[in-house]
Amino acid sequence: GDQAKLDGIIDQLQRQWKTKYNQDF
């Protein structure tokens, strides 16, 4: 699969997580 695509989605999710929950996933 396109690992770069998944990595991009995961990076965005991690930023959203940090913003919402004030901690790293």
PDBML (XML) file of the C-alpha atoms, coordinates in Angstrom:
<?xml version="1.0" encoding="UTF-8" ?>
<PDBx:datablock datablockName="MODEL"
   xmlns:PDBx="http://pdbml.pdb.org/schema/pdbx-v50.xsd"
   xmlns:xsi="http://www.w3.org/2001/XMLSchema-instance"
   xsi:schemaLocation="http://pdbml.pdb.org/schema/pdbx-v50.xsd pdbx-v50.xsd">
   <PDBx:atom_siteCategory>
      <PDBx:atom_site id="1">
         <PDBx:B_iso_or_equiv>0.00</PDBx:B_iso_or_equiv>
         <PDBx:Cartn_x>0.000</PDBx:Cartn_x>
         <PDBx:Cartn_y>0.000</PDBx:Cartn_y>
         <PDBx:Cartn_z>0.000</PDBx:Cartn_z>
         <PDBx:auth_asym_id>A</PDBx:auth_asym_id>
         <PDBx:auth_atom_id>CA</PDBx:auth_atom_id>
         <PDBx:auth_comp_id>GLY</PDBx:auth_comp_id>
         <PDBx:auth_seq_id>1</PDBx:auth_seq_id>
         <PDBx:group_PDB>ATOM</PDBx:group_PDB>
         <PDBx:label_alt_id xsi:nil="true" />
         <PDBx:label_asym_id>A</PDBx:label_asym_id>
         <PDBx:label_atom_id>CA</PDBx:label_atom_id>
         <PDBx:label_comp_id>GLY</PDBx:label_comp_id>
         <PDBx:label_entity_id>1</PDBx:label_entity_id>
         <PDBx:label_seq_id>1</PDBx:label_seq_id>
         <PDBx:occupancy>1.00</PDBx:occupancy>
         <PDBx:pdbx_PDB_model_num>1</PDBx:pdbx_PDB_model_num>
         <PDBx:type_symbol>C</PDBx:type_symbol>
      </PDBx:atom_site>
      <PDBx:atom_site id="2">
         <PDBx:B_iso_or_equiv>0.00</PDBx:B_iso_or_equiv>
         <PDBx:Cartn_x>0.838</PDBx:Cartn_x>
         <PDBx:Cartn_y>3.678</PDBx:Cartn_y>
         <PDBx:Cartn_z>-0.116</PDBx:Cartn_z>
         <PDBx:auth_asym_id>A</PDBx:auth_asym_id>
         <PDBx:auth_atom_id>CA</PDBx:auth_atom_id>
         <PDBx:auth_comp_id>ASP</PDBx:auth_comp_id>
         <PDBx:auth_seq_id>2</PDBx:auth_seq_id>
         <PDBx:group_PDB>ATOM</PDBx:group_PDB>
         <PDBx:label_alt_id xsi:nil="true" />
         <PDBx:label_asym_id>A</PDBx:label_asym_id>
         <PDBx:label_atom_id>CA</PDBx:label_atom_id>
         <PDBx:label_comp_id>ASP</PDBx:label_comp_id>
         <PDBx:label_entity_id>1</PDBx:label_entity_id>
         <PDBx:label_seq_id>2</PDBx:label_seq_id>
         <PDBx:occupancy>1.00</PDBx:occupancy>
         <PDBx:pdbx_PDB_model_num>1</PDBx:pdbx_PDB_model_num>
         <PDBx:type_symbol>C</PDBx:type_symbol>
      </PDBx:atom_site>
      <PDBx:atom_site id="3">
         <PDBx:B_iso_or_equiv>0.00</PDBx:B_iso_or_equiv>
         <PDBx:Cartn_x>2.624</PDBx:Cartn_x>
         <PDBx:Cartn_y>4.019</PDBx:Cartn_y>
         <PDBx:Cartn_z>3.233</PDBx:Cartn_z>
         <PDBx:auth_asym_id>A</PDBx:auth_asym_id>
         <PDBx:auth_atom_id>CA</PDBx:auth_atom_id>
         <PDBx:auth_comp_id>GLN</PDBx:auth_comp_id>
         <PDBx:auth_seq_id>3</PDBx:auth_seq_id>
         <PDBx:group_PDB>ATOM</PDBx:group_PDB>
         <PDBx:label_alt_id xsi:nil="true" />
         <PDBx:label_asym_id>A</PDBx:label_asym_id>
         <PDBx:label_atom_id>CA</PDBx:label_atom_id>
         <PDBx:label_comp_id>GLN</PDBx:label_comp_id>
         <PDBx:label_entity_id>1</PDBx:label_entity_id>
         <PDBx:label_seq_id>3</PDBx:label_seq_id>
         <PDBx:occupancy>1.00</PDBx:occupancy>
         <PDBx:pdbx_PDB_model_num>1</PDBx:pdbx_PDB_model_num>
         <PDBx:type_symbol>C</PDBx:type_symbol>
      </PDBx:atom_site>
      <PDBx:atom_site id="4">
         <PDBx:B_iso_or_equiv>0.00</PDBx:B_iso_or_equiv>
         <PDBx:Cartn_x>3.166</PDBx:Cartn_x>
         <PDBx:Cartn_y>7.757</PDBx:Cartn_y>
         <PDBx:Cartn_z>2.730</PDBx:Cartn_z>
         <PDBx:auth_asym_id>A</PDBx:auth_asym_id>
         <PDBx:auth_atom_id>CA</PDBx:auth_atom_id>
         <PDBx:auth_comp_id>ALA</PDBx:auth_comp_id>
         <PDBx:auth_seq_id>4</PDBx:auth_seq_id>
         <PDBx:group_PDB>ATOM</PDBx:group_PDB>
         <PDBx:label_alt_id xsi:nil="true" />
         <PDBx:label_asym_id>A</PDBx:label_asym_id>
         <PDBx:label_atom_id>CA</PDBx:label_atom_id>
         <PDBx:label_comp_id>ALA</PDBx:label_comp_id>
         <PDBx:label_entity_id>1</PDBx:label_entity_id>
         <PDBx:label_seq_id>4</PDBx:label_seq_id>
         <PDBx:occupancy>1.00</PDBx:occupancy>
         <PDBx:pdbx_PDB_model_num>1</PDBx:pdbx_PDB_model_num>
         <PDBx:type_symbol>C</PDBx:type_symbol>
      </PDBx:atom_site>
      <PDBx:atom_site id="5">
         <PDBx:B_iso_or_equiv>0.00</PDBx:B_iso_or_equiv>
         <PDBx:Cartn_x>-0.611</PDBx:Cartn_x>
         <PDBx:Cartn_y>8.238</PDBx:Cartn_y>
         <PDBx:Cartn_z>2.467</PDBx:Cartn_z>
         <PDBx:auth_asym_id>A</PDBx:auth_asym_id>
         <PDBx:auth_atom_id>CA</PDBx:auth_atom_id>
         <PDBx:auth_comp_id>LYS</PDBx:auth_comp_id>
         <PDBx:auth_seq_id>5</PDBx:auth_seq_id>
         <PDBx:group_PDB>ATOM</PDBx:group_PDB>
         <PDBx:label_alt_id xsi:nil="true" />
         <PDBx:label_asym_id>A</PDBx:label_asym_id>
         <PDBx:label_atom_id>CA</PDBx:label_atom_id>
         <PDBx:label_comp_id>LYS</PDBx:label_comp_id>
         <PDBx:label_entity_id>1</PDBx:label_entity_id>
         <PDBx:label_seq_id>5</PDBx:label_seq_id>
         <PDBx:occupancy>1.00</PDBx:occupancy>
         <PDBx:pdbx_PDB_model_num>1</PDBx:pdbx_PDB_model_num>
         <PDBx:type_symbol>C</PDBx:type_symbol>
      </PDBx:atom_site>
      <PDBx:atom_site id="6">
         <PDBx:B_iso_or_equiv>0.00</PDBx:B_iso_or_equiv>
         <PDBx:Cartn_x>-1.229</PDBx:Cartn_x>
         <PDBx:Cartn_y>6.386</PDBx:Cartn_y>
         <PDBx:Cartn_z>5.737</PDBx:Cartn_z>
         <PDBx:auth_asym_id>A</PDBx:auth_asym_id>
         <PDBx:auth_atom_id>CA</PDBx:auth_atom_id>
         <PDBx:auth_comp_id>LEU</PDBx:auth_comp_id>
         <PDBx:auth_seq_id>6</PDBx:auth_seq_id>
         <PDBx:group_PDB>ATOM</PDBx:group_PDB>
         <PDBx:label_alt_id xsi:nil="true" />
         <PDBx:label_asym_id>A</PDBx:label_asym_id>
         <PDBx:label_atom_id>CA</PDBx:label_atom_id>
         <PDBx:label_comp_id>LEU</PDBx:label_comp_id>
         <PDBx:label_entity_id>1</PDBx:label_entity_id>
         <PDBx:label_seq_id>6</PDBx:label_seq_id>
         <PDBx:occupancy>1.00</PDBx:occupancy>
         <PDBx:pdbx_PDB_model_num>1</PDBx:pdbx_PDB_model_num>
         <PDBx:type_symbol>C</PDBx:type_symbol>
      </PDBx:atom_site>
      <PDBx:atom_site id="7">
         <PDBx:B_iso_or_equiv>0.00</PDBx:B_iso_or_equiv>
         <PDBx:Cartn_x>1.643</PDBx:Cartn_x>
         <PDBx:Cartn_y>8.228</PDBx:Cartn_y>
         <PDBx:Cartn_z>7.433</PDBx:Cartn_z>
         <PDBx:auth_asym_id>A</PDBx:auth_asym_id>
         <PDBx:auth_atom_id>CA</PDBx:auth_atom_id>
         <PDBx:auth_comp_id>ASP</PDBx:auth_comp_id>
         <PDBx:auth_seq_id>7</PDBx:auth_seq_id>
         <PDBx:group_PDB>ATOM</PDBx:group_PDB>
         <PDBx:label_alt_id xsi:nil="true" />
         <PDBx:label_asym_id>A</PDBx:label_asym_id>
         <PDBx:label_atom_id>CA</PDBx:label_atom_id>
         <PDBx:label_comp_id>ASP</PDBx:label_comp_id>
         <PDBx:label_entity_id>1</PDBx:label_entity_id>
         <PDBx:label_seq_id>7</PDBx:label_seq_id>
         <PDBx:occupancy>1.00</PDBx:occupancy>
         <PDBx:pdbx_PDB_model_num>1</PDBx:pdbx_PDB_model_num>
         <PDBx:type_symbol>C</PDBx:type_symbol>
      </PDBx:atom_site>
      <PDBx:atom_site id="8">
         <PDBx:B_iso_or_equiv>0.00</PDBx:B_iso_or_equiv>
         <PDBx:Cartn_x>0.106</PDBx:Cartn_x>
         <PDBx:Cartn_y>11.560</PDBx:Cartn_y>
         <PDBx:Cartn_z>6.403</PDBx:Cartn_z>
         <PDBx:auth_asym_id>A</PDBx:auth_asym_id>
         <PDBx:auth_atom_id>CA</PDBx:auth_atom_id>
         <PDBx:auth_comp_id>GLY</PDBx:auth_comp_id>
         <PDBx:auth_seq_id>8</PDBx:auth_seq_id>
         <PDBx:group_PDB>ATOM</PDBx:group_PDB>
         <PDBx:label_alt_id xsi:nil="true" />
         <PDBx:label_asym_id>A</PDBx:label_asym_id>
         <PDBx:label_atom_id>CA</PDBx:label_atom_id>
         <PDBx:label_comp_id>GLY</PDBx:label_comp_id>
         <PDBx:label_entity_id>1</PDBx:label_entity_id>
         <PDBx:label_seq_id>8</PDBx:label_seq_id>
         <PDBx:occupancy>1.00</PDBx:occupancy>
         <PDBx:pdbx_PDB_model_num>1</PDBx:pdbx_PDB_model_num>
         <PDBx:type_symbol>C</PDBx:type_symbol>
      </PDBx:atom_site>
      <PDBx:atom_site id="9">
         <PDBx:B_iso_or_equiv>0.00</PDBx:B_iso_or_equiv>
         <PDBx:Cartn_x>-3.293</PDBx:Cartn_x>
         <PDBx:Cartn_y>10.638</PDBx:Cartn_y>
         <PDBx:Cartn_z>7.832</PDBx:Cartn_z>
         <PDBx:auth_asym_id>A</PDBx:auth_asym_id>
         <PDBx:auth_atom_id>CA</PDBx:auth_atom_id>
         <PDBx:auth_comp_id>ILE</PDBx:auth_comp_id>
         <PDBx:auth_seq_id>9</PDBx:auth_seq_id>
         <PDBx:group_PDB>ATOM</PDBx:group_PDB>
         <PDBx:label_alt_id xsi:nil="true" />
         <PDBx:label_asym_id>A</PDBx:label_asym_id>
         <PDBx:label_atom_id>CA</PDBx:label_atom_id>
         <PDBx:label_comp_id>ILE</PDBx:label_comp_id>
         <PDBx:label_entity_id>1</PDBx:label_entity_id>
         <PDBx:label_seq_id>9</PDBx:label_seq_id>
         <PDBx:occupancy>1.00</PDBx:occupancy>
         <PDBx:pdbx_PDB_model_num>1</PDBx:pdbx_PDB_model_num>
         <PDBx:type_symbol>C</PDBx:type_symbol>
      </PDBx:atom_site>
      <PDBx:atom_site id="10">
         <PDBx:B_iso_or_equiv>0.00</PDBx:B_iso_or_equiv>
         <PDBx:Cartn_x>-1.680</PDBx:Cartn_x>
         <PDBx:Cartn_y>9.372</PDBx:Cartn_y>
         <PDBx:Cartn_z>11.051</PDBx:Cartn_z>
         <PDBx:auth_asym_id>A</PDBx:auth_asym_id>
         <PDBx:auth_atom_id>CA</PDBx:auth_atom_id>
         <PDBx:auth_comp_id>ILE</PDBx:auth_comp_id>
         <PDBx:auth_seq_id>10</PDBx:auth_seq_id>
         <PDBx:group_PDB>ATOM</PDBx:group_PDB>
         <PDBx:label_alt_id xsi:nil="true" />
         <PDBx:label_asym_id>A</PDBx:label_asym_id>
         <PDBx:label_atom_id>CA</PDBx:label_atom_id>
         <PDBx:label_comp_id>ILE</PDBx:label_comp_id>
         <PDBx:label_entity_id>1</PDBx:label_entity_id>
         <PDBx:label_seq_id>10</PDBx:label_seq_id>
         <PDBx:occupancy>1.00</PDBx:occupancy>
         <PDBx:pdbx_PDB_model_num>1</PDBx:pdbx_PDB_model_num>
         <PDBx:type_symbol>C</PDBx:type_symbol>
      </PDBx:atom_site>
      <PDBx:atom_site id="11">
         <PDBx:B_iso_or_equiv>0.00</PDBx:B_iso_or_equiv>
         <PDBx:Cartn_x>0.427</PDBx:Cartn_x>
         <PDBx:Cartn_y>12.542</PDBx:Cartn_y>
         <PDBx:Cartn_z>11.414</PDBx:Cartn_z>
         <PDBx:auth_asym_id>A</PDBx:auth_asym_id>
         <PDBx:auth_atom_id>CA</PDBx:auth_atom_id>
         <PDBx:auth_comp_id>ASP</PDBx:auth_comp_id>
         <PDBx:auth_seq_id>11</PDBx:auth_seq_id>
         <PDBx:group_PDB>ATOM</PDBx:group_PDB>
         <PDBx:label_alt_id xsi:nil="true" />
         <PDBx:label_asym_id>A</PDBx:label_asym_id>
         <PDBx:label_atom_id>CA</PDBx:label_atom_id>
         <PDBx:label_comp_id>ASP</PDBx:label_comp_id>
         <PDBx:label_entity_id>1</PDBx:label_entity_id>
         <PDBx:label_seq_id>11</PDBx:label_seq_id>
         <PDBx:occupancy>1.00</PDBx:occupancy>
         <PDBx:pdbx_PDB_model_num>1</PDBx:pdbx_PDB_model_num>
         <PDBx:type_symbol>C</PDBx:type_symbol>
      </PDBx:atom_site>
      <PDBx:atom_site id="12">
         <PDBx:B_iso_or_equiv>0.00</PDBx:B_iso_or_equiv>
         <PDBx:Cartn_x>-2.726</PDBx:Cartn_x>
         <PDBx:Cartn_y>14.664</PDBx:Cartn_y>
         <PDBx:Cartn_z>11.095</PDBx:Cartn_z>
         <PDBx:auth_asym_id>A</PDBx:auth_asym_id>
         <PDBx:auth_atom_id>CA</PDBx:auth_atom_id>
         <PDBx:auth_comp_id>GLN</PDBx:auth_comp_id>
         <PDBx:auth_seq_id>12</PDBx:auth_seq_id>
         <PDBx:group_PDB>ATOM</PDBx:group_PDB>
         <PDBx:label_alt_id xsi:nil="true" />
         <PDBx:label_asym_id>A</PDBx:label_asym_id>
         <PDBx:label_atom_id>CA</PDBx:label_atom_id>
         <PDBx:label_comp_id>GLN</PDBx:label_comp_id>
         <PDBx:label_entity_id>1</PDBx:label_entity_id>
         <PDBx:label_seq_id>12</PDBx:label_seq_id>
         <PDBx:occupancy>1.00</PDBx:occupancy>
         <PDBx:pdbx_PDB_model_num>1</PDBx:pdbx_PDB_model_num>
         <PDBx:type_symbol>C</PDBx:type_symbol>
      </PDBx:atom_site>
      <PDBx:atom_site id="13">
         <PDBx:B_iso_or_equiv>0.00</PDBx:B_iso_or_equiv>
         <PDBx:Cartn_x>-4.550</PDBx:Cartn_x>
         <PDBx:Cartn_y>12.494</PDBx:Cartn_y>
         <PDBx:Cartn_z>13.638</PDBx:Cartn_z>
         <PDBx:auth_asym_id>A</PDBx:auth_asym_id>
         <PDBx:auth_atom_id>CA</PDBx:auth_atom_id>
         <PDBx:auth_comp_id>LEU</PDBx:auth_comp_id>
         <PDBx:auth_seq_id>13</PDBx:auth_seq_id>
         <PDBx:group_PDB>ATOM</PDBx:group_PDB>
         <PDBx:label_alt_id xsi:nil="true" />
         <PDBx:label_asym_id>A</PDBx:label_asym_id>
         <PDBx:label_atom_id>CA</PDBx:label_atom_id>
         <PDBx:label_comp_id>LEU</PDBx:label_comp_id>
         <PDBx:label_entity_id>1</PDBx:label_entity_id>
         <PDBx:label_seq_id>13</PDBx:label_seq_id>
         <PDBx:occupancy>1.00</PDBx:occupancy>
         <PDBx:pdbx_PDB_model_num>1</PDBx:pdbx_PDB_model_num>
         <PDBx:type_symbol>C</PDBx:type_symbol>
      </PDBx:atom_site>
      <PDBx:atom_site id="14">
         <PDBx:B_iso_or_equiv>0.00</PDBx:B_iso_or_equiv>
         <PDBx:Cartn_x>-1.640</PDBx:Cartn_x>
         <PDBx:Cartn_y>12.847</PDBx:Cartn_y>
         <PDBx:Cartn_z>16.081</PDBx:Cartn_z>
         <PDBx:auth_asym_id>A</PDBx:auth_asym_id>
         <PDBx:auth_atom_id>CA</PDBx:auth_atom_id>
         <PDBx:auth_comp_id>GLN</PDBx:auth_comp_id>
         <PDBx:auth_seq_id>14</PDBx:auth_seq_id>
         <PDBx:group_PDB>ATOM</PDBx:group_PDB>
         <PDBx:label_alt_id xsi:nil="true" />
         <PDBx:label_asym_id>A</PDBx:label_asym_id>
         <PDBx:label_atom_id>CA</PDBx:label_atom_id>
         <PDBx:label_comp_id>GLN</PDBx:label_comp_id>
         <PDBx:label_entity_id>1</PDBx:label_entity_id>
         <PDBx:label_seq_id>14</PDBx:label_seq_id>
         <PDBx:occupancy>1.00</PDBx:occupancy>
         <PDBx:pdbx_PDB_model_num>1</PDBx:pdbx_PDB_model_num>
         <PDBx:type_symbol>C</PDBx:type_symbol>
      </PDBx:atom_site>
      <PDBx:atom_site id="15">
         <PDBx:B_iso_or_equiv>0.00</PDBx:B_iso_or_equiv>
         <PDBx:Cartn_x>-1.720</PDBx:Cartn_x>
         <PDBx:Cartn_y>16.663</PDBx:Cartn_y>
         <PDBx:Cartn_z>15.748</PDBx:Cartn_z>
         <PDBx:auth_asym_id>A</PDBx:auth_asym_id>
         <PDBx:auth_atom_id>CA</PDBx:auth_atom_id>
         <PDBx:auth_comp_id>ARG</PDBx:auth_comp_id>
         <PDBx:auth_seq_id>15</PDBx:auth_seq_id>
         <PDBx:group_PDB>ATOM</PDBx:group_PDB>
         <PDBx:label_alt_id xsi:nil="true" />
         <PDBx:label_asym_id>A</PDBx:label_asym_id>
         <PDBx:label_atom_id>CA</PDBx:label_atom_id>
         <PDBx:label_comp_id>ARG</PDBx:label_comp_id>
         <PDBx:label_entity_id>1</PDBx:label_entity_id>
         <PDBx:label_seq_id>15</PDBx:label_seq_id>
         <PDBx:occupancy>1.00</PDBx:occupancy>
         <PDBx:pdbx_PDB_model_num>1</PDBx:pdbx_PDB_model_num>
         <PDBx:type_symbol>C</PDBx:type_symbol>
      </PDBx:atom_site>
      <PDBx:atom_site id="16">
         <PDBx:B_iso_or_equiv>0.00</PDBx:B_iso_or_equiv>
         <PDBx:Cartn_x>-5.488</PDBx:Cartn_x>
         <PDBx:Cartn_y>16.691</PDBx:Cartn_y>
         <PDBx:Cartn_z>16.270</PDBx:Cartn_z>
         <PDBx:auth_asym_id>A</PDBx:auth_asym_id>
         <PDBx:auth_atom_id>CA</PDBx:auth_atom_id>
         <PDBx:auth_comp_id>GLN</PDBx:auth_comp_id>
         <PDBx:auth_seq_id>16</PDBx:auth_seq_id>
         <PDBx:group_PDB>ATOM</PDBx:group_PDB>
         <PDBx:label_alt_id xsi:nil="true" />
         <PDBx:label_asym_id>A</PDBx:label_asym_id>
         <PDBx:label_atom_id>CA</PDBx:label_atom_id>
         <PDBx:label_comp_id>GLN</PDBx:label_comp_id>
         <PDBx:label_entity_id>1</PDBx:label_entity_id>
         <PDBx:label_seq_id>16</PDBx:label_seq_id>
         <PDBx:occupancy>1.00</PDBx:occupancy>
         <PDBx:pdbx_PDB_model_num>1</PDBx:pdbx_PDB_model_num>
         <PDBx:type_symbol>C</PDBx:type_symbol>
      </PDBx:atom_site>
      <PDBx:atom_site id="17">
         <PDBx:B_iso_or_equiv>0.00</PDBx:B_iso_or_equiv>
         <PDBx:Cartn_x>-5.107</PDBx:Cartn_x>
         <PDBx:Cartn_y>14.395</PDBx:Cartn_y>
         <PDBx:Cartn_z>19.301</PDBx:Cartn_z>
         <PDBx:auth_asym_id>A</PDBx:auth_asym_id>
         <PDBx:auth_atom_id>CA</PDBx:auth_atom_id>
         <PDBx:auth_comp_id>TRP</PDBx:auth_comp_id>
         <PDBx:auth_seq_id>17</PDBx:auth_seq_id>
         <PDBx:group_PDB>ATOM</PDBx:group_PDB>
         <PDBx:label_alt_id xsi:nil="true" />
         <PDBx:label_asym_id>A</PDBx:label_asym_id>
         <PDBx:label_atom_id>CA</PDBx:label_atom_id>
         <PDBx:label_comp_id>TRP</PDBx:label_comp_id>
         <PDBx:label_entity_id>1</PDBx:label_entity_id>
         <PDBx:label_seq_id>17</PDBx:label_seq_id>
         <PDBx:occupancy>1.00</PDBx:occupancy>
         <PDBx:pdbx_PDB_model_num>1</PDBx:pdbx_PDB_model_num>
         <PDBx:type_symbol>C</PDBx:type_symbol>
      </PDBx:atom_site>
      <PDBx:atom_site id="18">
         <PDBx:B_iso_or_equiv>0.00</PDBx:B_iso_or_equiv>
         <PDBx:Cartn_x>-2.468</PDBx:Cartn_x>
         <PDBx:Cartn_y>16.642</PDBx:Cartn_y>
         <PDBx:Cartn_z>20.865</PDBx:Cartn_z>
         <PDBx:auth_asym_id>A</PDBx:auth_asym_id>
         <PDBx:auth_atom_id>CA</PDBx:auth_atom_id>
         <PDBx:auth_comp_id>LYS</PDBx:auth_comp_id>
         <PDBx:auth_seq_id>18</PDBx:auth_seq_id>
         <PDBx:group_PDB>ATOM</PDBx:group_PDB>
         <PDBx:label_alt_id xsi:nil="true" />
         <PDBx:label_asym_id>A</PDBx:label_asym_id>
         <PDBx:label_atom_id>CA</PDBx:label_atom_id>
         <PDBx:label_comp_id>LYS</PDBx:label_comp_id>
         <PDBx:label_entity_id>1</PDBx:label_entity_id>
         <PDBx:label_seq_id>18</PDBx:label_seq_id>
         <PDBx:occupancy>1.00</PDBx:occupancy>
         <PDBx:pdbx_PDB_model_num>1</PDBx:pdbx_PDB_model_num>
         <PDBx:type_symbol>C</PDBx:type_symbol>
      </PDBx:atom_site>
      <PDBx:atom_site id="19">
         <PDBx:B_iso_or_equiv>0.00</PDBx:B_iso_or_equiv>
         <PDBx:Cartn_x>-4.670</PDBx:Cartn_x>
         <PDBx:Cartn_y>19.709</PDBx:Cartn_y>
         <PDBx:Cartn_z>20.354</PDBx:Cartn_z>
         <PDBx:auth_asym_id>A</PDBx:auth_asym_id>
         <PDBx:auth_atom_id>CA</PDBx:auth_atom_id>
         <PDBx:auth_comp_id>THR</PDBx:auth_comp_id>
         <PDBx:auth_seq_id>19</PDBx:auth_seq_id>
         <PDBx:group_PDB>ATOM</PDBx:group_PDB>
         <PDBx:label_alt_id xsi:nil="true" />
         <PDBx:label_asym_id>A</PDBx:label_asym_id>
         <PDBx:label_atom_id>CA</PDBx:label_atom_id>
         <PDBx:label_comp_id>THR</PDBx:label_comp_id>
         <PDBx:label_entity_id>1</PDBx:label_entity_id>
         <PDBx:label_seq_id>19</PDBx:label_seq_id>
         <PDBx:occupancy>1.00</PDBx:occupancy>
         <PDBx:pdbx_PDB_model_num>1</PDBx:pdbx_PDB_model_num>
         <PDBx:type_symbol>C</PDBx:type_symbol>
      </PDBx:atom_site>
      <PDBx:atom_site id="20">
         <PDBx:B_iso_or_equiv>0.00</PDBx:B_iso_or_equiv>
         <PDBx:Cartn_x>-7.855</PDBx:Cartn_x>
         <PDBx:Cartn_y>18.113</PDBx:Cartn_y>
         <PDBx:Cartn_z>21.711</PDBx:Cartn_z>
         <PDBx:auth_asym_id>A</PDBx:auth_asym_id>
         <PDBx:auth_atom_id>CA</PDBx:auth_atom_id>
         <PDBx:auth_comp_id>LYS</PDBx:auth_comp_id>
         <PDBx:auth_seq_id>20</PDBx:auth_seq_id>
         <PDBx:group_PDB>ATOM</PDBx:group_PDB>
         <PDBx:label_alt_id xsi:nil="true" />
         <PDBx:label_asym_id>A</PDBx:label_asym_id>
         <PDBx:label_atom_id>CA</PDBx:label_atom_id>
         <PDBx:label_comp_id>LYS</PDBx:label_comp_id>
         <PDBx:label_entity_id>1</PDBx:label_entity_id>
         <PDBx:label_seq_id>20</PDBx:label_seq_id>
         <PDBx:occupancy>1.00</PDBx:occupancy>
         <PDBx:pdbx_PDB_model_num>1</PDBx:pdbx_PDB_model_num>
         <PDBx:type_symbol>C</PDBx:type_symbol>
      </PDBx:atom_site>
      <PDBx:atom_site id="21">
         <PDBx:B_iso_or_equiv>0.00</PDBx:B_iso_or_equiv>
         <PDBx:Cartn_x>-6.452</PDBx:Cartn_x>
         <PDBx:Cartn_y>16.087</PDBx:Cartn_y>
         <PDBx:Cartn_z>24.618</PDBx:Cartn_z>
         <PDBx:auth_asym_id>A</PDBx:auth_asym_id>
         <PDBx:auth_atom_id>CA</PDBx:auth_atom_id>
         <PDBx:auth_comp_id>TYR</PDBx:auth_comp_id>
         <PDBx:auth_seq_id>21</PDBx:auth_seq_id>
         <PDBx:group_PDB>ATOM</PDBx:group_PDB>
         <PDBx:label_alt_id xsi:nil="true" />
         <PDBx:label_asym_id>A</PDBx:label_asym_id>
         <PDBx:label_atom_id>CA</PDBx:label_atom_id>
         <PDBx:label_comp_id>TYR</PDBx:label_comp_id>
         <PDBx:label_entity_id>1</PDBx:label_entity_id>
         <PDBx:label_seq_id>21</PDBx:label_seq_id>
         <PDBx:occupancy>1.00</PDBx:occupancy>
         <PDBx:pdbx_PDB_model_num>1</PDBx:pdbx_PDB_model_num>
         <PDBx:type_symbol>C</PDBx:type_symbol>
      </PDBx:atom_site>
      <PDBx:atom_site id="22">
         <PDBx:B_iso_or_equiv>0.00</PDBx:B_iso_or_equiv>
         <PDBx:Cartn_x>-3.298</PDBx:Cartn_x>
         <PDBx:Cartn_y>18.104</PDBx:Cartn_y>
         <PDBx:Cartn_z>25.385</PDBx:Cartn_z>
         <PDBx:auth_asym_id>A</PDBx:auth_asym_id>
         <PDBx:auth_atom_id>CA</PDBx:auth_atom_id>
         <PDBx:auth_comp_id>ASN</PDBx:auth_comp_id>
         <PDBx:auth_seq_id>22</PDBx:auth_seq_id>
         <PDBx:group_PDB>ATOM</PDBx:group_PDB>
         <PDBx:label_alt_id xsi:nil="true" />
         <PDBx:label_asym_id>A</PDBx:label_asym_id>
         <PDBx:label_atom_id>CA</PDBx:label_atom_id>
         <PDBx:label_comp_id>ASN</PDBx:label_comp_id>
         <PDBx:label_entity_id>1</PDBx:label_entity_id>
         <PDBx:label_seq_id>22</PDBx:label_seq_id>
         <PDBx:occupancy>1.00</PDBx:occupancy>
         <PDBx:pdbx_PDB_model_num>1</PDBx:pdbx_PDB_model_num>
         <PDBx:type_symbol>C</PDBx:type_symbol>
      </PDBx:atom_site>
      <PDBx:atom_site id="23">
         <PDBx:B_iso_or_equiv>0.00</PDBx:B_iso_or_equiv>
         <PDBx:Cartn_x>-1.124</PDBx:Cartn_x>
         <PDBx:Cartn_y>14.983</PDBx:Cartn_y>
         <PDBx:Cartn_z>25.252</PDBx:Cartn_z>
         <PDBx:auth_asym_id>A</PDBx:auth_asym_id>
         <PDBx:auth_atom_id>CA</PDBx:auth_atom_id>
         <PDBx:auth_comp_id>GLN</PDBx:auth_comp_id>
         <PDBx:auth_seq_id>23</PDBx:auth_seq_id>
         <PDBx:group_PDB>ATOM</PDBx:group_PDB>
         <PDBx:label_alt_id xsi:nil="true" />
         <PDBx:label_asym_id>A</PDBx:label_asym_id>
         <PDBx:label_atom_id>CA</PDBx:label_atom_id>
         <PDBx:label_comp_id>GLN</PDBx:label_comp_id>
         <PDBx:label_entity_id>1</PDBx:label_entity_id>
         <PDBx:label_seq_id>23</PDBx:label_seq_id>
         <PDBx:occupancy>1.00</PDBx:occupancy>
         <PDBx:pdbx_PDB_model_num>1</PDBx:pdbx_PDB_model_num>
         <PDBx:type_symbol>C</PDBx:type_symbol>
      </PDBx:atom_site>
      <PDBx:atom_site id="24">
         <PDBx:B_iso_or_equiv>0.00</PDBx:B_iso_or_equiv>
         <PDBx:Cartn_x>0.563</PDBx:Cartn_x>
         <PDBx:Cartn_y>12.728</PDBx:Cartn_y>
         <PDBx:Cartn_z>22.744</PDBx:Cartn_z>
         <PDBx:auth_asym_id>A</PDBx:auth_asym_id>
         <PDBx:auth_atom_id>CA</PDBx:auth_atom_id>
         <PDBx:auth_comp_id>ASP</PDBx:auth_comp_id>
         <PDBx:auth_seq_id>24</PDBx:auth_seq_id>
         <PDBx:group_PDB>ATOM</PDBx:group_PDB>
         <PDBx:label_alt_id xsi:nil="true" />
         <PDBx:label_asym_id>A</PDBx:label_asym_id>
         <PDBx:label_atom_id>CA</PDBx:label_atom_id>
         <PDBx:label_comp_id>ASP</PDBx:label_comp_id>
         <PDBx:label_entity_id>1</PDBx:label_entity_id>
         <PDBx:label_seq_id>24</PDBx:label_seq_id>
         <PDBx:occupancy>1.00</PDBx:occupancy>
         <PDBx:pdbx_PDB_model_num>1</PDBx:pdbx_PDB_model_num>
         <PDBx:type_symbol>C</PDBx:type_symbol>
      </PDBx:atom_site>
      <PDBx:atom_site id="25">
         <PDBx:B_iso_or_equiv>0.00</PDBx:B_iso_or_equiv>
         <PDBx:Cartn_x>-1.238</PDBx:Cartn_x>
         <PDBx:Cartn_y>9.619</PDBx:Cartn_y>
         <PDBx:Cartn_z>21.533</PDBx:Cartn_z>
         <PDBx:auth_asym_id>A</PDBx:auth_asym_id>
         <PDBx:auth_atom_id>CA</PDBx:auth_atom_id>
         <PDBx:auth_comp_id>PHE</PDBx:auth_comp_id>
         <PDBx:auth_seq_id>25</PDBx:auth_seq_id>
         <PDBx:group_PDB>ATOM</PDBx:group_PDB>
         <PDBx:label_alt_id xsi:nil="true" />
         <PDBx:label_asym_id>A</PDBx:label_asym_id>
         <PDBx:label_atom_id>CA</PDBx:label_atom_id>
         <PDBx:label_comp_id>PHE</PDBx:label_comp_id>
         <PDBx:label_entity_id>1</PDBx:label_entity_id>
         <PDBx:label_seq_id>25</PDBx:label_seq_id>
         <PDBx:occupancy>1.00</PDBx:occupancy>
         <PDBx:pdbx_PDB_model_num>1</PDBx:pdbx_PDB_model_num>
         <PDBx:type_symbol>C</PDBx:type_symbol>
      </PDBx:atom_site>
   </PDBx:atom_siteCategory>
</PDBx:datablock>
